[in-house]
Amino acid sequence: MEIKIDESQLKNIVSEAILQHLDANAKDELIKAALIYLLTPPQSSQYDRHPISPLQNAFNVAVGLAAGEIVRERIAASEEFKTKVRAAIGEAMLQIDKENFTDWVGSALASALKRD
């Protein structure tokens, strides 16, 4: 018989077991250490000269997801806007061989958003 516990359940079980064995002072220290970790950017590397903290990274991801959802809703709600986005993407596809393709796509979409 094989017993399977999914990863999130296992994390919950382990964290509850740890917290039950910590006194108030140890819990305070654990919270302080966690906050320091979340607020401290990792050391820079050859790949990333200006790393961001885990908390800033989480915030950036959440903002990106929210922005994506807003854009999807806006595109779905307006046929005219959907046409503008399609045109901007079509123009961007013509630029695919250019070095600054990503910048061009971002500029084209930003321009379409401003016109709406």
C-alpha atoms as a PDB file:
ATOM      1  CA  MET A   1       0.000   0.000   0.000  1.00  0.00           C
ATOM      2  CA  GLU A   2       1.366   3.375  -1.044  1.00  0.00           C
ATOM      3  CA  ILE A   3       0.519   6.505   0.924  1.00  0.00           C
ATOM      4  CA  LYS A   4       0.690   9.760  -1.001  1.00  0.00           C
ATOM      5  CA  ILE A   5       0.651  13.224   0.541  1.00  0.00           C
ATOM      6  CA  ASP A   6       0.723  16.144  -1.818  1.00  0.00           C
ATOM      7  CA  GLU A   7       3.445  18.744  -1.414  1.00  0.00           C
ATOM      8  CA  SER A   8       1.229  21.508   0.009  1.00  0.00           C
ATOM      9  CA  GLN A   9      -0.193  19.150   2.643  1.00  0.00           C
ATOM     10  CA  LEU A  10       3.301  18.048   3.586  1.00  0.00           C
ATOM     11  CA  LYS A  11       4.444  21.671   3.930  1.00  0.00           C
ATOM     12  CA  ASN A  12       1.462  22.430   6.176  1.00  0.00           C
ATOM     13  CA  ILE A  13       2.106  19.391   8.376  1.00  0.00           C
ATOM     14  CA  VAL A  14       5.806  20.196   8.753  1.00  0.00           C
ATOM     15  CA  SER A  15       5.244  23.904   9.455  1.00  0.00           C
ATOM     16  CA  GLU A  16       2.567  23.130  12.069  1.00  0.00           C
ATOM     17  CA  ALA A  17       4.859  20.594  13.752  1.00  0.00           C
ATOM     18  CA  ILE A  18       7.709  23.110  13.880  1.00  0.00           C
ATOM     19  CA  LEU A  19       5.541  25.934  15.203  1.00  0.00           C
ATOM     20  CA  GLN A  20       4.085  23.727  17.959  1.00  0.00           C
ATOM     21  CA  HIS A  21       7.583  23.159  19.341  1.00  0.00           C
ATOM     22  CA  LEU A  22       8.666  26.813  19.373  1.00  0.00           C
ATOM     23  CA  ASP A  23       8.170  29.145  22.303  1.00  0.00           C
ATOM     24  CA  ALA A  24       7.053  32.763  21.787  1.00  0.00           C
ATOM     25  CA  ASN A  25      10.622  34.080  21.654  1.00  0.00           C
ATOM     26  CA  ALA A  26      11.660  31.492  19.054  1.00  0.00           C
ATOM     27  CA  LYS A  27       8.564  32.299  16.971  1.00  0.00           C
ATOM     28  CA  ASP A  28       9.479  36.013  17.057  1.00  0.00           C
ATOM     29  CA  GLU A  29      13.009  35.190  15.904  1.00  0.00           C
ATOM     30  CA  LEU A  30      11.664  32.983  13.125  1.00  0.00           C
ATOM     31  CA  ILE A  31       9.354  35.764  11.912  1.00  0.00           C
ATOM     32  CA  LYS A  32      12.206  38.311  12.002  1.00  0.00           C
ATOM     33  CA  ALA A  33      14.461  35.976  10.023  1.00  0.00           C
ATOM     34  CA  ALA A  34      11.711  35.358   7.468  1.00  0.00           C
ATOM     35  CA  LEU A  35      11.109  39.094   7.040  1.00  0.00           C
ATOM     36  CA  ILE A  36      14.819  39.782   6.626  1.00  0.00           C
ATOM     37  CA  TYR A  37      14.970  37.066   3.972  1.00  0.00           C
ATOM     38  CA  LEU A  38      11.932  38.455   2.123  1.00  0.00           C
ATOM     39  CA  LEU A  39      13.285  42.010   2.154  1.00  0.00           C
ATOM     40  CA  THR A  40      16.931  41.265   1.283  1.00  0.00           C
ATOM     41  CA  PRO A  41      17.935  41.056  -2.364  1.00  0.00           C
ATOM     42  CA  PRO A  42      20.291  38.185  -3.150  1.00  0.00           C
ATOM     43  CA  GLN A  43      23.898  39.011  -4.004  1.00  0.00           C
ATOM     44  CA  SER A  44      24.443  40.201  -7.527  1.00  0.00           C
ATOM     45  CA  SER A  45      25.816  37.753 -10.043  1.00  0.00           C
ATOM     46  CA  GLN A  46      27.227  37.871 -13.542  1.00  0.00           C
ATOM     47  CA  TYR A  47      23.674  37.343 -14.815  1.00  0.00           C
ATOM     48  CA  ASP A  48      21.883  39.831 -12.590  1.00  0.00           C
ATOM     49  CA  ARG A  49      23.722  42.931 -11.416  1.00  0.00           C
ATOM     50  CA  HIS A  50      20.682  44.401  -9.649  1.00  0.00           C
ATOM     51  CA  PRO A  51      18.745  41.533  -8.077  1.00  0.00           C
ATOM     52  CA  ILE A  52      15.510  42.234  -6.258  1.00  0.00           C
ATOM     53  CA  SER A  53      14.242  40.866  -2.967  1.00  0.00           C
ATOM     54  CA  PRO A  54      11.931  37.840  -2.897  1.00  0.00           C
ATOM     55  CA  LEU A  55       9.118  40.120  -1.672  1.00  0.00           C
ATOM     56  CA  GLN A  56       9.654  42.580  -4.537  1.00  0.00           C
ATOM     57  CA  ASN A  57       9.756  39.679  -6.980  1.00  0.00           C
ATOM     58  CA  ALA A  58       6.464  38.324  -5.605  1.00  0.00           C
ATOM     59  CA  PHE A  59       4.930  41.790  -5.884  1.00  0.00           C
ATOM     60  CA  ASN A  60       6.147  42.181  -9.479  1.00  0.00           C
ATOM     61  CA  VAL A  61       4.702  38.785 -10.436  1.00  0.00           C
ATOM     62  CA  ALA A  62       1.358  39.642  -8.810  1.00  0.00           C
ATOM     63  CA  VAL A  63       1.207  43.003 -10.601  1.00  0.00           C
ATOM     64  CA  GLY A  64       2.055  41.329 -13.907  1.00  0.00           C
ATOM     65  CA  LEU A  65      -0.681  38.744 -13.420  1.00  0.00           C
ATOM     66  CA  ALA A  66      -3.212  41.438 -12.485  1.00  0.00           C
ATOM     67  CA  ALA A  67      -2.216  43.550 -15.497  1.00  0.00           C
ATOM     68  CA  GLY A  68      -2.559  40.532 -17.780  1.00  0.00           C
ATOM     69  CA  GLU A  69      -6.014  39.828 -16.428  1.00  0.00           C
ATOM     70  CA  ILE A  70      -7.080  43.450 -16.927  1.00  0.00           C
ATOM     71  CA  VAL A  71      -5.802  43.441 -20.509  1.00  0.00           C
ATOM     72  CA  ARG A  72      -7.550  40.123 -21.265  1.00  0.00           C
ATOM     73  CA  GLU A  73     -10.832  41.499 -19.866  1.00  0.00           C
ATOM     74  CA  ARG A  74     -10.468  44.680 -21.888  1.00  0.00           C
ATOM     75  CA  ILE A  75      -9.719  42.777 -25.085  1.00  0.00           C
ATOM     76  CA  ALA A  76     -12.669  40.439 -24.514  1.00  0.00           C
ATOM     77  CA  ALA A  77     -15.047  43.332 -23.827  1.00  0.00           C
ATOM     78  CA  SER A  78     -14.303  45.397 -26.932  1.00  0.00           C
ATOM     79  CA  GLU A  79     -14.220  44.175 -30.507  1.00  0.00           C
ATOM     80  CA  GLU A  80     -12.720  47.518 -31.570  1.00  0.00           C
ATOM     81  CA  PHE A  81      -9.916  47.161 -29.039  1.00  0.00           C
ATOM     82  CA  LYS A  82      -9.344  43.538 -30.080  1.00  0.00           C
ATOM     83  CA  THR A  83      -8.928  44.764 -33.680  1.00  0.00           C
ATOM     84  CA  LYS A  84      -6.369  47.378 -32.564  1.00  0.00           C
ATOM     85  CA  VAL A  85      -4.380  44.764 -30.641  1.00  0.00           C
ATOM     86  CA  ARG A  86      -4.426  42.403 -33.621  1.00  0.00           C
ATOM     87  CA  ALA A  87      -3.180  45.214 -35.880  1.00  0.00           C
ATOM     88  CA  ALA A  88      -0.407  46.129 -33.416  1.00  0.00           C
ATOM     89  CA  ILE A  89       0.693  42.492 -33.180  1.00  0.00           C
ATOM     90  CA  GLY A  90       0.577  42.183 -36.975  1.00  0.00           C
ATOM     91  CA  GLU A  91       2.815  45.244 -37.309  1.00  0.00           C
ATOM     92  CA  ALA A  92       5.130  43.801 -34.670  1.00  0.00           C
ATOM     93  CA  MET A  93       5.381  40.515 -36.557  1.00  0.00           C
ATOM     94  CA  LEU A  94       6.755  42.469 -39.524  1.00  0.00           C
ATOM     95  CA  GLN A  95       9.560  43.641 -37.253  1.00  0.00           C
ATOM     96  CA  ILE A  96      10.525  40.122 -36.128  1.00  0.00           C
ATOM     97  CA  ASP A  97      13.981  40.265 -37.689  1.00  0.00           C
ATOM     98  CA  LYS A  98      14.875  43.486 -35.933  1.00  0.00           C
ATOM     99  CA  GLU A  99      17.036  43.467 -32.836  1.00  0.00           C
ATOM    100  CA  ASN A 100      14.604  45.413 -30.659  1.00  0.00           C
ATOM    101  CA  PHE A 101      11.572  43.239 -31.393  1.00  0.00           C
ATOM    102  CA  THR A 102      10.504  42.984 -27.738  1.00  0.00           C
ATOM    103  CA  ASP A 103      10.724  46.746 -27.272  1.00  0.00           C
ATOM    104  CA  TRP A 104       8.820  47.264 -30.496  1.00  0.00           C
ATOM    105  CA  VAL A 105       6.003  44.939 -29.428  1.00  0.00           C
ATOM    106  CA  GLY A 106       5.756  46.677 -26.058  1.00  0.00           C
ATOM    107  CA  SER A 107       5.660  50.100 -27.711  1.00  0.00           C
ATOM    108  CA  ALA A 108       3.068  48.978 -30.269  1.00  0.00           C
ATOM    109  CA  LEU A 109       0.785  47.531 -27.594  1.00  0.00           C
ATOM    110  CA  ALA A 110       1.243  50.595 -25.386  1.00  0.00           C
ATOM    111  CA  SER A 111       0.310  52.780 -28.328  1.00  0.00           C
ATOM    112  CA  ALA A 112      -2.813  50.689 -28.975  1.00  0.00           C
ATOM    113  CA  LEU A 113      -3.793  51.001 -25.315  1.00  0.00           C
ATOM    114  CA  LYS A 114      -3.384  54.791 -25.443  1.00  0.00           C
ATOM    115  CA  ARG A 115      -5.561  55.081 -28.555  1.00  0.00           C
ATOM    116  CA  ASP A 116      -8.453  53.170 -26.979  1.00  0.00           C
END
